[in-house]
N, C-alpha and C. Protein backbone atom coordinates (compact mmCIF):
# COMPACT_ATOMS: atom_id res chain seq x y z
N UNK A 1 10.75 -161.42 20.91
CA UNK A 1 12.13 -161.45 21.33
C UNK A 1 12.25 -161.40 22.85
N UNK A 2 11.38 -160.65 23.50
CA UNK A 2 11.44 -160.55 24.95
C UNK A 2 11.18 -161.91 25.60
N UNK A 3 10.26 -162.69 25.04
CA UNK A 3 9.97 -164.01 25.58
C UNK A 3 11.19 -164.94 25.42
N UNK A 4 11.85 -164.85 24.28
CA UNK A 4 13.03 -165.69 24.04
C UNK A 4 14.16 -165.28 24.99
N UNK A 5 14.39 -163.99 25.13
CA UNK A 5 15.45 -163.50 26.02
C UNK A 5 15.19 -163.88 27.47
N UNK A 6 13.93 -164.06 27.85
CA UNK A 6 13.60 -164.36 29.23
C UNK A 6 13.68 -165.86 29.55
N UNK A 7 13.94 -166.69 28.53
CA UNK A 7 14.02 -168.14 28.78
C UNK A 7 15.16 -168.46 29.74
N UNK A 8 14.87 -169.28 30.71
CA UNK A 8 15.87 -169.77 31.67
C UNK A 8 16.43 -171.08 31.15
N UNK A 9 17.58 -171.52 31.67
CA UNK A 9 18.14 -172.81 31.24
C UNK A 9 17.14 -173.94 31.44
N UNK A 10 16.98 -174.73 30.36
CA UNK A 10 16.06 -175.86 30.42
C UNK A 10 14.63 -175.52 30.05
N UNK A 11 14.29 -174.25 29.93
CA UNK A 11 12.93 -173.85 29.56
C UNK A 11 12.79 -173.84 28.05
N UNK A 12 11.55 -173.99 27.59
CA UNK A 12 11.26 -173.98 26.16
C UNK A 12 10.04 -173.11 25.91
N UNK A 13 9.97 -172.56 24.71
CA UNK A 13 8.86 -171.70 24.30
C UNK A 13 8.22 -172.34 23.07
N UNK A 14 6.92 -172.65 23.15
CA UNK A 14 6.22 -173.25 22.02
C UNK A 14 5.69 -172.15 21.12
N UNK A 15 5.93 -172.30 19.80
CA UNK A 15 5.43 -171.37 18.80
C UNK A 15 4.26 -172.06 18.11
N UNK A 16 3.11 -171.37 18.09
CA UNK A 16 1.91 -171.98 17.51
C UNK A 16 1.36 -171.12 16.39
N UNK A 17 0.63 -171.78 15.49
CA UNK A 17 -0.10 -171.09 14.43
C UNK A 17 -1.47 -171.74 14.36
N UNK A 18 -2.49 -170.93 14.52
CA UNK A 18 -3.87 -171.42 14.51
C UNK A 18 -4.05 -172.55 15.54
N UNK A 19 -3.41 -172.42 16.69
CA UNK A 19 -3.57 -173.38 17.77
C UNK A 19 -2.72 -174.64 17.61
N UNK A 20 -1.98 -174.76 16.53
CA UNK A 20 -1.13 -175.93 16.29
C UNK A 20 0.33 -175.55 16.56
N UNK A 21 1.02 -176.39 17.30
CA UNK A 21 2.45 -176.15 17.58
C UNK A 21 3.24 -176.35 16.29
N UNK A 22 4.03 -175.32 15.92
CA UNK A 22 4.84 -175.43 14.71
C UNK A 22 6.34 -175.41 15.00
N UNK A 23 6.71 -175.01 16.21
CA UNK A 23 8.13 -174.98 16.56
C UNK A 23 8.27 -174.87 18.07
N UNK A 24 9.43 -175.25 18.54
CA UNK A 24 9.77 -175.08 19.95
C UNK A 24 11.13 -174.42 20.02
N UNK A 25 11.23 -173.40 20.81
CA UNK A 25 12.50 -172.70 21.01
C UNK A 25 12.94 -173.00 22.44
N UNK A 26 14.16 -173.51 22.56
CA UNK A 26 14.65 -173.82 23.89
C UNK A 26 15.89 -172.99 24.18
N UNK A 27 16.14 -172.80 25.44
CA UNK A 27 17.27 -171.99 25.88
C UNK A 27 18.57 -172.70 25.57
N UNK A 28 19.54 -171.94 25.05
CA UNK A 28 20.87 -172.50 24.81
C UNK A 28 21.87 -171.97 25.82
N UNK A 29 21.39 -171.28 26.83
CA UNK A 29 22.28 -170.77 27.86
C UNK A 29 22.82 -171.97 28.63
N UNK A 30 24.14 -172.04 28.72
CA UNK A 30 24.77 -173.20 29.34
C UNK A 30 25.24 -172.90 30.76
N UNK A 31 24.32 -172.47 31.59
CA UNK A 31 24.66 -172.20 32.98
C UNK A 31 24.30 -173.42 33.80
N UNK A 32 25.28 -173.95 34.49
CA UNK A 32 25.03 -175.12 35.32
C UNK A 32 25.33 -174.75 36.76
N UNK A 33 24.39 -175.05 37.63
CA UNK A 33 24.57 -174.81 39.05
C UNK A 33 25.04 -176.11 39.68
N UNK A 34 26.03 -176.06 40.54
CA UNK A 34 26.46 -177.28 41.20
C UNK A 34 27.91 -177.23 41.60
N UNK A 35 28.43 -178.39 41.94
CA UNK A 35 29.80 -178.52 42.39
C UNK A 35 30.52 -179.49 41.47
N UNK A 36 31.74 -179.16 41.10
CA UNK A 36 32.54 -180.05 40.27
C UNK A 36 33.18 -181.08 41.19
N UNK A 37 33.01 -182.35 40.83
CA UNK A 37 33.57 -183.44 41.62
C UNK A 37 34.55 -184.19 40.74
N UNK A 38 35.79 -184.35 41.22
CA UNK A 38 36.80 -185.10 40.51
C UNK A 38 36.32 -186.53 40.35
N UNK A 39 36.47 -187.10 39.15
CA UNK A 39 35.99 -188.44 38.86
C UNK A 39 36.61 -189.45 39.82
N UNK A 40 37.93 -189.37 40.07
CA UNK A 40 38.57 -190.31 40.99
C UNK A 40 38.00 -190.19 42.40
N UNK A 41 37.70 -188.96 42.81
CA UNK A 41 37.14 -188.75 44.15
C UNK A 41 35.74 -189.36 44.22
N UNK A 42 35.00 -189.24 43.12
CA UNK A 42 33.64 -189.80 43.10
C UNK A 42 33.67 -191.31 43.11
N UNK A 43 34.75 -191.91 42.58
CA UNK A 43 34.84 -193.37 42.55
C UNK A 43 35.40 -193.93 43.86
N UNK A 44 35.67 -193.07 44.82
CA UNK A 44 36.09 -193.55 46.13
C UNK A 44 37.59 -193.59 46.32
N UNK A 45 38.38 -193.14 45.33
CA UNK A 45 39.82 -193.13 45.53
C UNK A 45 40.21 -191.84 46.23
N UNK A 46 41.32 -191.86 46.87
CA UNK A 46 41.77 -190.66 47.57
C UNK A 46 42.59 -189.82 46.60
N UNK A 47 41.91 -188.94 45.88
CA UNK A 47 42.56 -188.11 44.87
C UNK A 47 43.56 -187.16 45.49
N UNK A 48 43.37 -186.77 46.74
CA UNK A 48 44.30 -185.84 47.37
C UNK A 48 45.68 -186.46 47.53
N UNK A 49 45.76 -187.78 47.75
CA UNK A 49 47.05 -188.43 47.90
C UNK A 49 47.83 -188.47 46.60
N UNK A 50 47.13 -188.65 45.44
CA UNK A 50 47.82 -188.76 44.17
C UNK A 50 48.06 -187.40 43.53
N UNK A 51 47.38 -186.38 43.97
CA UNK A 51 47.47 -185.08 43.34
C UNK A 51 48.82 -184.44 43.64
N UNK A 52 49.61 -184.13 42.59
CA UNK A 52 50.89 -183.50 42.81
C UNK A 52 50.70 -182.03 43.17
N UNK A 53 51.76 -181.39 43.62
CA UNK A 53 51.63 -179.98 43.94
C UNK A 53 51.26 -179.18 42.70
N UNK A 54 50.59 -178.05 42.91
CA UNK A 54 50.16 -177.25 41.77
C UNK A 54 51.26 -176.36 41.23
N UNK A 55 52.42 -176.34 41.85
CA UNK A 55 53.55 -175.58 41.34
C UNK A 55 54.33 -176.49 40.41
N UNK A 56 54.25 -176.23 39.10
CA UNK A 56 54.88 -177.09 38.12
C UNK A 56 56.18 -176.50 37.58
N UNK A 57 56.73 -175.48 38.25
CA UNK A 57 58.00 -174.91 37.82
C UNK A 57 59.09 -175.96 37.98
N UNK A 58 59.93 -176.08 36.97
CA UNK A 58 61.06 -176.99 37.05
C UNK A 58 60.75 -178.42 36.70
N UNK A 59 59.50 -178.73 36.34
CA UNK A 59 59.16 -180.09 35.92
C UNK A 59 58.48 -180.03 34.55
N UNK A 60 58.55 -181.13 33.84
CA UNK A 60 57.87 -181.26 32.56
C UNK A 60 56.50 -181.86 32.83
N UNK A 61 55.46 -181.13 32.46
CA UNK A 61 54.09 -181.57 32.69
C UNK A 61 53.62 -182.36 31.47
N UNK A 62 53.26 -183.63 31.72
CA UNK A 62 52.75 -184.51 30.69
C UNK A 62 51.26 -184.72 30.95
N UNK A 63 50.44 -184.28 30.02
CA UNK A 63 48.99 -184.48 30.13
C UNK A 63 48.62 -185.68 29.28
N UNK A 64 47.67 -186.49 29.77
CA UNK A 64 47.24 -187.67 29.02
C UNK A 64 45.82 -187.48 28.55
N UNK A 65 45.60 -187.68 27.26
CA UNK A 65 44.26 -187.54 26.68
C UNK A 65 43.61 -188.90 26.49
N UNK A 66 44.01 -189.84 27.30
CA UNK A 66 43.39 -191.16 27.29
C UNK A 66 43.05 -191.51 28.73
N UNK A 67 42.07 -192.33 28.91
CA UNK A 67 41.66 -192.68 30.27
C UNK A 67 42.69 -193.62 30.87
N UNK A 68 43.41 -193.11 31.86
CA UNK A 68 44.39 -193.91 32.59
C UNK A 68 44.04 -193.85 34.07
N UNK A 69 44.21 -194.96 34.74
CA UNK A 69 43.97 -194.97 36.18
C UNK A 69 45.04 -194.14 36.87
N UNK A 70 44.77 -193.77 38.10
CA UNK A 70 45.77 -193.03 38.89
C UNK A 70 47.04 -193.86 39.02
N UNK A 71 46.88 -195.17 39.13
CA UNK A 71 48.04 -196.06 39.25
C UNK A 71 48.88 -196.03 37.98
N UNK A 72 48.24 -196.01 36.82
CA UNK A 72 48.97 -195.97 35.54
C UNK A 72 49.68 -194.63 35.38
N UNK A 73 49.01 -193.52 35.73
CA UNK A 73 49.66 -192.21 35.63
C UNK A 73 50.83 -192.11 36.60
N UNK A 74 50.66 -192.63 37.81
CA UNK A 74 51.73 -192.60 38.81
C UNK A 74 52.91 -193.44 38.33
N UNK A 75 52.63 -194.59 37.74
CA UNK A 75 53.68 -195.46 37.24
C UNK A 75 54.46 -194.77 36.11
N UNK A 76 53.74 -194.16 35.19
CA UNK A 76 54.40 -193.45 34.08
C UNK A 76 55.25 -192.31 34.63
N UNK A 77 54.72 -191.57 35.57
CA UNK A 77 55.46 -190.47 36.18
C UNK A 77 56.72 -190.97 36.87
N UNK A 78 56.61 -192.08 37.59
CA UNK A 78 57.77 -192.65 38.29
C UNK A 78 58.82 -193.12 37.30
N UNK A 79 58.38 -193.74 36.20
CA UNK A 79 59.32 -194.20 35.18
C UNK A 79 60.03 -193.04 34.51
N UNK A 80 59.34 -191.93 34.32
CA UNK A 80 59.96 -190.75 33.71
C UNK A 80 60.96 -190.08 34.65
N UNK A 81 60.67 -190.10 35.93
CA UNK A 81 61.59 -189.52 36.91
C UNK A 81 61.04 -188.27 37.57
N UNK A 82 61.84 -187.74 38.48
CA UNK A 82 61.40 -186.62 39.32
C UNK A 82 61.20 -185.33 38.53
N UNK A 83 61.74 -185.25 37.34
CA UNK A 83 61.60 -184.03 36.54
C UNK A 83 60.29 -183.99 35.75
N UNK A 84 59.43 -184.98 35.96
CA UNK A 84 58.17 -185.07 35.22
C UNK A 84 57.00 -185.23 36.18
N UNK A 85 55.84 -184.75 35.75
CA UNK A 85 54.60 -185.02 36.44
C UNK A 85 53.58 -185.37 35.36
N UNK A 86 52.81 -186.44 35.58
CA UNK A 86 51.84 -186.92 34.61
C UNK A 86 50.44 -186.69 35.17
N UNK A 87 49.62 -185.97 34.42
CA UNK A 87 48.27 -185.62 34.86
C UNK A 87 47.26 -185.96 33.78
N UNK A 88 46.04 -186.25 34.20
CA UNK A 88 44.94 -186.36 33.26
C UNK A 88 44.76 -184.99 32.62
N UNK A 89 44.42 -184.95 31.35
CA UNK A 89 44.32 -183.67 30.65
C UNK A 89 43.30 -182.73 31.29
N UNK A 90 42.29 -183.28 31.97
CA UNK A 90 41.30 -182.43 32.62
C UNK A 90 41.83 -181.76 33.88
N UNK A 91 42.92 -182.29 34.43
CA UNK A 91 43.52 -181.71 35.63
C UNK A 91 44.80 -180.94 35.29
N UNK A 92 45.27 -181.06 34.06
CA UNK A 92 46.53 -180.43 33.67
C UNK A 92 46.34 -178.95 33.35
N UNK A 93 47.36 -178.15 33.62
CA UNK A 93 47.28 -176.73 33.25
C UNK A 93 47.39 -176.59 31.74
N UNK A 94 46.89 -175.49 31.21
CA UNK A 94 46.97 -175.25 29.77
C UNK A 94 48.41 -175.06 29.31
N UNK A 95 49.32 -174.87 30.26
CA UNK A 95 50.73 -174.70 29.94
C UNK A 95 51.48 -176.03 29.90
N UNK A 96 50.76 -177.16 29.86
CA UNK A 96 51.40 -178.48 29.84
C UNK A 96 52.43 -178.52 28.71
N UNK A 97 53.50 -179.27 28.95
CA UNK A 97 54.59 -179.37 27.98
C UNK A 97 54.36 -180.45 26.93
N UNK A 98 53.66 -181.51 27.32
CA UNK A 98 53.44 -182.66 26.45
C UNK A 98 51.99 -183.10 26.60
N UNK A 99 51.38 -183.51 25.49
CA UNK A 99 50.03 -184.09 25.53
C UNK A 99 50.11 -185.44 24.84
N UNK A 100 49.94 -186.53 25.61
CA UNK A 100 49.92 -187.87 25.05
C UNK A 100 48.50 -188.19 24.60
N UNK A 101 48.36 -188.62 23.35
CA UNK A 101 47.04 -188.96 22.83
C UNK A 101 47.10 -190.33 22.17
N UNK A 102 46.01 -191.08 22.21
CA UNK A 102 45.97 -192.33 21.45
C UNK A 102 45.79 -192.00 19.97
N UNK A 103 45.81 -192.99 19.14
CA UNK A 103 45.59 -192.79 17.72
C UNK A 103 44.15 -192.30 17.52
N UNK A 104 44.01 -191.04 17.14
CA UNK A 104 42.70 -190.42 16.97
C UNK A 104 42.66 -189.71 15.62
N UNK A 105 41.55 -189.07 15.33
CA UNK A 105 41.38 -188.38 14.06
C UNK A 105 42.17 -187.07 14.03
N UNK A 106 42.53 -186.62 12.83
CA UNK A 106 43.19 -185.31 12.71
C UNK A 106 42.32 -184.18 13.27
N UNK A 107 41.01 -184.32 13.16
CA UNK A 107 40.11 -183.29 13.68
C UNK A 107 40.23 -183.18 15.20
N UNK A 108 40.35 -184.32 15.89
CA UNK A 108 40.47 -184.28 17.34
C UNK A 108 41.82 -183.68 17.74
N UNK A 109 42.87 -184.02 17.02
CA UNK A 109 44.18 -183.41 17.30
C UNK A 109 44.08 -181.89 17.15
N UNK A 110 43.43 -181.45 16.08
CA UNK A 110 43.27 -180.00 15.85
C UNK A 110 42.43 -179.37 16.96
N UNK A 111 41.45 -180.09 17.50
CA UNK A 111 40.62 -179.55 18.59
C UNK A 111 41.39 -179.50 19.90
N UNK A 112 42.34 -180.43 20.10
CA UNK A 112 43.13 -180.44 21.33
C UNK A 112 44.21 -179.37 21.34
N UNK A 113 44.70 -179.00 20.16
CA UNK A 113 45.80 -178.04 20.07
C UNK A 113 45.52 -176.73 20.83
N UNK A 114 44.35 -176.09 20.67
CA UNK A 114 44.13 -174.84 21.40
C UNK A 114 44.02 -175.02 22.92
N UNK A 115 43.68 -176.23 23.37
CA UNK A 115 43.58 -176.48 24.80
C UNK A 115 44.95 -176.48 25.47
N UNK A 116 45.98 -176.90 24.71
CA UNK A 116 47.35 -176.97 25.21
C UNK A 116 48.28 -176.38 24.14
N UNK A 117 48.26 -175.06 23.98
CA UNK A 117 48.95 -174.43 22.86
C UNK A 117 50.47 -174.62 22.85
N UNK A 118 51.09 -174.82 24.00
CA UNK A 118 52.54 -174.96 24.05
C UNK A 118 53.00 -176.42 24.04
N UNK A 119 52.07 -177.34 24.19
CA UNK A 119 52.42 -178.75 24.36
C UNK A 119 52.86 -179.39 23.04
N UNK A 120 53.81 -180.30 23.17
CA UNK A 120 54.13 -181.19 22.05
C UNK A 120 53.12 -182.31 22.11
N UNK A 121 52.34 -182.48 21.04
CA UNK A 121 51.33 -183.54 21.01
C UNK A 121 52.00 -184.80 20.46
N UNK A 122 51.96 -185.86 21.25
CA UNK A 122 52.61 -187.11 20.89
C UNK A 122 51.57 -188.22 20.85
N UNK A 123 51.43 -188.84 19.68
CA UNK A 123 50.49 -189.95 19.50
C UNK A 123 51.21 -191.21 19.95
N UNK A 124 50.55 -191.99 20.79
CA UNK A 124 51.17 -193.20 21.31
C UNK A 124 50.19 -194.34 21.39
N UNK A 125 50.74 -195.54 21.32
CA UNK A 125 49.97 -196.75 21.58
C UNK A 125 50.50 -197.31 22.89
N UNK A 126 49.61 -197.73 23.76
CA UNK A 126 50.02 -198.26 25.06
C UNK A 126 49.36 -199.62 25.25
N UNK A 127 50.17 -200.60 25.65
CA UNK A 127 49.66 -201.92 26.01
C UNK A 127 50.33 -202.31 27.31
N UNK A 128 49.58 -202.33 28.39
CA UNK A 128 50.11 -202.72 29.69
C UNK A 128 49.02 -203.47 30.43
N UNK A 129 49.05 -204.79 30.31
CA UNK A 129 47.99 -205.60 30.93
C UNK A 129 48.03 -205.51 32.45
N UNK A 130 49.22 -205.32 33.02
CA UNK A 130 49.34 -205.21 34.48
C UNK A 130 48.57 -204.00 35.01
N UNK A 131 48.59 -202.90 34.26
CA UNK A 131 47.90 -201.69 34.68
C UNK A 131 46.53 -201.54 34.01
N UNK A 132 46.14 -202.51 33.21
CA UNK A 132 44.82 -202.47 32.57
C UNK A 132 44.70 -201.39 31.50
N UNK A 133 45.78 -201.15 30.77
CA UNK A 133 45.78 -200.11 29.74
C UNK A 133 45.97 -200.76 28.38
N UNK A 134 45.09 -200.44 27.43
CA UNK A 134 45.22 -200.97 26.08
C UNK A 134 44.70 -199.94 25.09
N UNK A 135 45.61 -199.20 24.52
CA UNK A 135 45.27 -198.23 23.48
C UNK A 135 46.06 -198.60 22.23
N UNK A 136 45.52 -199.56 21.47
CA UNK A 136 46.16 -199.96 20.23
C UNK A 136 45.76 -199.01 19.13
N UNK A 137 46.67 -198.78 18.22
CA UNK A 137 46.40 -197.94 17.08
C UNK A 137 46.50 -198.74 15.79
N UNK A 138 46.48 -198.05 14.68
CA UNK A 138 46.47 -198.74 13.38
C UNK A 138 47.73 -199.56 13.13
N UNK A 139 48.88 -199.10 13.62
CA UNK A 139 50.12 -199.85 13.39
C UNK A 139 50.04 -201.20 14.08
N UNK A 140 49.67 -201.23 15.34
CA UNK A 140 49.56 -202.49 16.08
C UNK A 140 48.53 -203.39 15.42
N UNK A 141 47.40 -202.83 14.99
CA UNK A 141 46.37 -203.64 14.35
C UNK A 141 46.88 -204.26 13.05
N UNK A 142 47.67 -203.50 12.27
CA UNK A 142 48.23 -204.02 11.02
C UNK A 142 49.27 -205.11 11.29
N UNK A 143 50.11 -204.90 12.30
CA UNK A 143 51.09 -205.93 12.65
C UNK A 143 50.40 -207.19 13.15
N UNK A 144 49.35 -207.02 13.97
CA UNK A 144 48.60 -208.17 14.46
C UNK A 144 47.90 -208.91 13.32
N UNK A 145 47.55 -208.19 12.26
CA UNK A 145 46.87 -208.80 11.12
C UNK A 145 47.83 -209.56 10.21
N UNK A 146 49.15 -209.39 10.42
CA UNK A 146 50.10 -210.16 9.62
C UNK A 146 51.18 -209.36 8.93
N UNK A 147 51.14 -208.04 9.02
CA UNK A 147 52.23 -207.24 8.42
C UNK A 147 53.53 -207.60 9.14
N UNK A 148 54.64 -207.59 8.41
CA UNK A 148 55.92 -207.98 8.98
C UNK A 148 56.67 -206.83 9.62
N UNK A 149 56.43 -205.60 9.19
CA UNK A 149 57.18 -204.47 9.75
C UNK A 149 56.43 -203.18 9.49
N UNK A 150 56.84 -202.16 10.20
CA UNK A 150 56.31 -200.81 9.99
C UNK A 150 57.49 -199.86 9.90
N UNK A 151 57.45 -199.00 8.92
CA UNK A 151 58.49 -197.98 8.78
C UNK A 151 57.82 -196.62 8.81
N UNK A 152 58.27 -195.77 9.71
CA UNK A 152 57.66 -194.44 9.78
C UNK A 152 57.94 -193.65 8.51
N UNK A 153 57.15 -192.64 8.24
CA UNK A 153 57.34 -191.85 7.02
C UNK A 153 58.74 -191.26 6.95
N UNK A 154 59.30 -191.31 5.74
CA UNK A 154 60.63 -190.75 5.52
C UNK A 154 60.81 -190.48 4.04
N UNK A 155 61.94 -189.85 3.70
CA UNK A 155 62.23 -189.64 2.28
C UNK A 155 62.77 -190.95 1.69
N UNK A 156 62.92 -191.01 0.38
CA UNK A 156 63.30 -192.25 -0.30
C UNK A 156 64.68 -192.75 0.14
N UNK A 157 65.72 -191.89 0.23
CA UNK A 157 67.01 -192.42 0.68
C UNK A 157 66.95 -193.03 2.09
N UNK A 158 66.21 -192.37 3.01
CA UNK A 158 66.10 -192.91 4.37
C UNK A 158 65.30 -194.20 4.37
N UNK A 159 64.24 -194.26 3.55
CA UNK A 159 63.45 -195.48 3.44
C UNK A 159 64.33 -196.62 2.95
N UNK A 160 65.20 -196.35 1.97
CA UNK A 160 66.08 -197.40 1.45
C UNK A 160 66.99 -197.93 2.56
N UNK A 161 67.55 -197.04 3.39
CA UNK A 161 68.40 -197.48 4.50
C UNK A 161 67.60 -198.30 5.50
N UNK A 162 66.40 -197.82 5.84
CA UNK A 162 65.55 -198.56 6.79
C UNK A 162 65.19 -199.93 6.24
N UNK A 163 64.80 -199.98 4.97
CA UNK A 163 64.39 -201.23 4.36
C UNK A 163 65.56 -202.22 4.30
N UNK A 164 66.73 -201.73 3.88
CA UNK A 164 67.91 -202.59 3.83
C UNK A 164 68.23 -203.14 5.21
N UNK A 165 68.22 -202.28 6.22
CA UNK A 165 68.52 -202.75 7.58
C UNK A 165 67.50 -203.77 8.05
N UNK A 166 66.23 -203.49 7.79
CA UNK A 166 65.17 -204.40 8.21
C UNK A 166 65.32 -205.76 7.54
N UNK A 167 65.64 -205.76 6.25
CA UNK A 167 65.73 -207.01 5.52
C UNK A 167 67.01 -207.77 5.83
N UNK A 168 68.10 -207.07 6.11
CA UNK A 168 69.37 -207.77 6.33
C UNK A 168 69.72 -207.97 7.79
N UNK A 169 69.28 -207.07 8.67
CA UNK A 169 69.66 -207.16 10.08
C UNK A 169 68.48 -207.32 11.03
N UNK A 170 67.35 -206.79 10.66
CA UNK A 170 66.21 -206.73 11.58
C UNK A 170 65.54 -208.06 11.81
N UNK A 171 65.48 -208.90 10.79
CA UNK A 171 64.84 -210.21 10.94
C UNK A 171 65.90 -211.29 10.91
N UNK A 172 65.73 -212.28 11.74
CA UNK A 172 66.57 -213.46 11.66
C UNK A 172 65.70 -214.57 11.13
N UNK A 173 66.23 -215.27 10.12
CA UNK A 173 65.44 -216.35 9.52
C UNK A 173 65.50 -217.58 10.39
N UNK A 174 64.35 -218.12 10.67
CA UNK A 174 64.23 -219.34 11.45
C UNK A 174 63.42 -220.32 10.62
N UNK A 175 64.08 -221.38 10.15
CA UNK A 175 63.42 -222.40 9.33
C UNK A 175 62.73 -221.77 8.12
N UNK A 176 63.38 -220.78 7.52
CA UNK A 176 62.86 -220.18 6.30
C UNK A 176 61.77 -219.15 6.52
N UNK A 177 61.41 -218.87 7.76
CA UNK A 177 60.34 -217.90 8.05
C UNK A 177 60.93 -216.77 8.89
N UNK A 178 60.66 -215.55 8.48
CA UNK A 178 61.17 -214.40 9.23
C UNK A 178 60.40 -214.26 10.53
N UNK A 179 61.15 -214.06 11.61
CA UNK A 179 60.49 -213.80 12.90
C UNK A 179 59.85 -212.43 12.83
N UNK A 180 58.61 -212.27 13.28
CA UNK A 180 57.96 -210.95 13.21
C UNK A 180 58.67 -209.93 14.09
N UNK A 181 58.76 -208.72 13.58
CA UNK A 181 59.37 -207.63 14.33
C UNK A 181 58.43 -207.15 15.40
N UNK A 182 58.99 -206.66 16.48
CA UNK A 182 58.19 -206.07 17.55
C UNK A 182 58.35 -204.56 17.49
N UNK A 183 57.32 -203.85 17.92
CA UNK A 183 57.40 -202.39 17.98
C UNK A 183 58.41 -201.99 19.04
N UNK A 184 58.39 -202.67 20.17
CA UNK A 184 59.34 -202.39 21.25
C UNK A 184 59.80 -203.73 21.79
N UNK A 185 61.05 -203.83 22.23
CA UNK A 185 61.51 -205.10 22.77
C UNK A 185 60.74 -205.47 24.03
N UNK A 186 60.60 -206.78 24.24
CA UNK A 186 59.86 -207.26 25.41
C UNK A 186 60.63 -207.00 26.70
N UNK A 187 61.96 -206.97 26.61
CA UNK A 187 62.79 -206.68 27.78
C UNK A 187 63.71 -205.54 27.42
N UNK A 188 64.28 -204.92 28.45
CA UNK A 188 65.19 -203.81 28.20
C UNK A 188 66.48 -204.36 27.62
N UNK A 189 67.04 -203.72 26.56
CA UNK A 189 68.26 -204.21 25.96
C UNK A 189 69.42 -204.08 26.94
N UNK A 190 70.32 -205.07 26.88
CA UNK A 190 71.48 -205.00 27.77
C UNK A 190 72.51 -204.07 27.17
N UNK A 191 73.35 -203.52 28.02
CA UNK A 191 74.39 -202.59 27.57
C UNK A 191 75.44 -203.38 26.80
N UNK A 192 76.00 -202.80 25.71
CA UNK A 192 77.04 -203.49 24.96
C UNK A 192 78.25 -203.77 25.85
N UNK A 193 78.99 -204.85 25.51
CA UNK A 193 80.15 -205.20 26.31
C UNK A 193 81.15 -204.07 26.31
N UNK A 194 81.82 -203.86 27.43
CA UNK A 194 82.83 -202.83 27.55
C UNK A 194 82.29 -201.50 28.05
N UNK A 195 80.99 -201.38 28.25
CA UNK A 195 80.44 -200.11 28.74
C UNK A 195 80.10 -200.20 30.19
């Protein structure tokens, strides 16, 4: 036991019987010596310019659990407005208000929950070719494969209303073929007349 307790990180102890190695015991101590370097800083970007202040009082902190460039996070933050700050989950405080995640396994969602106990976890699909972001999920893949629509989970009465609306109002028939529905409109909808 004394030999095992004395193992340093990265060291191993060979166990032998009659001169033959029968096992190796290695240290599981996870002590790492060194300096933490921000990935963006290591890639040559000026992380100090994009880094928001560390005082997050009065703003909604949105952490992203997907790899987004600083430009994409800045764009999302700007679109949300001054009351929001968007950070990579590795730079976000554990008190983050929202955690955006791509379509992942339930096990990963459960593993992320303790990291951000107060955050609302929101699963999202993102497609933005201008910013080089593409996180498609199962819904987009099914629609791309030929499905005509997607309806989120609901009770039977709500499903009936959604289905009726989709069949009577959502699709316009063009030459006998229904135009495929989009998850989000390609352009922002215009305000109704009179507003």
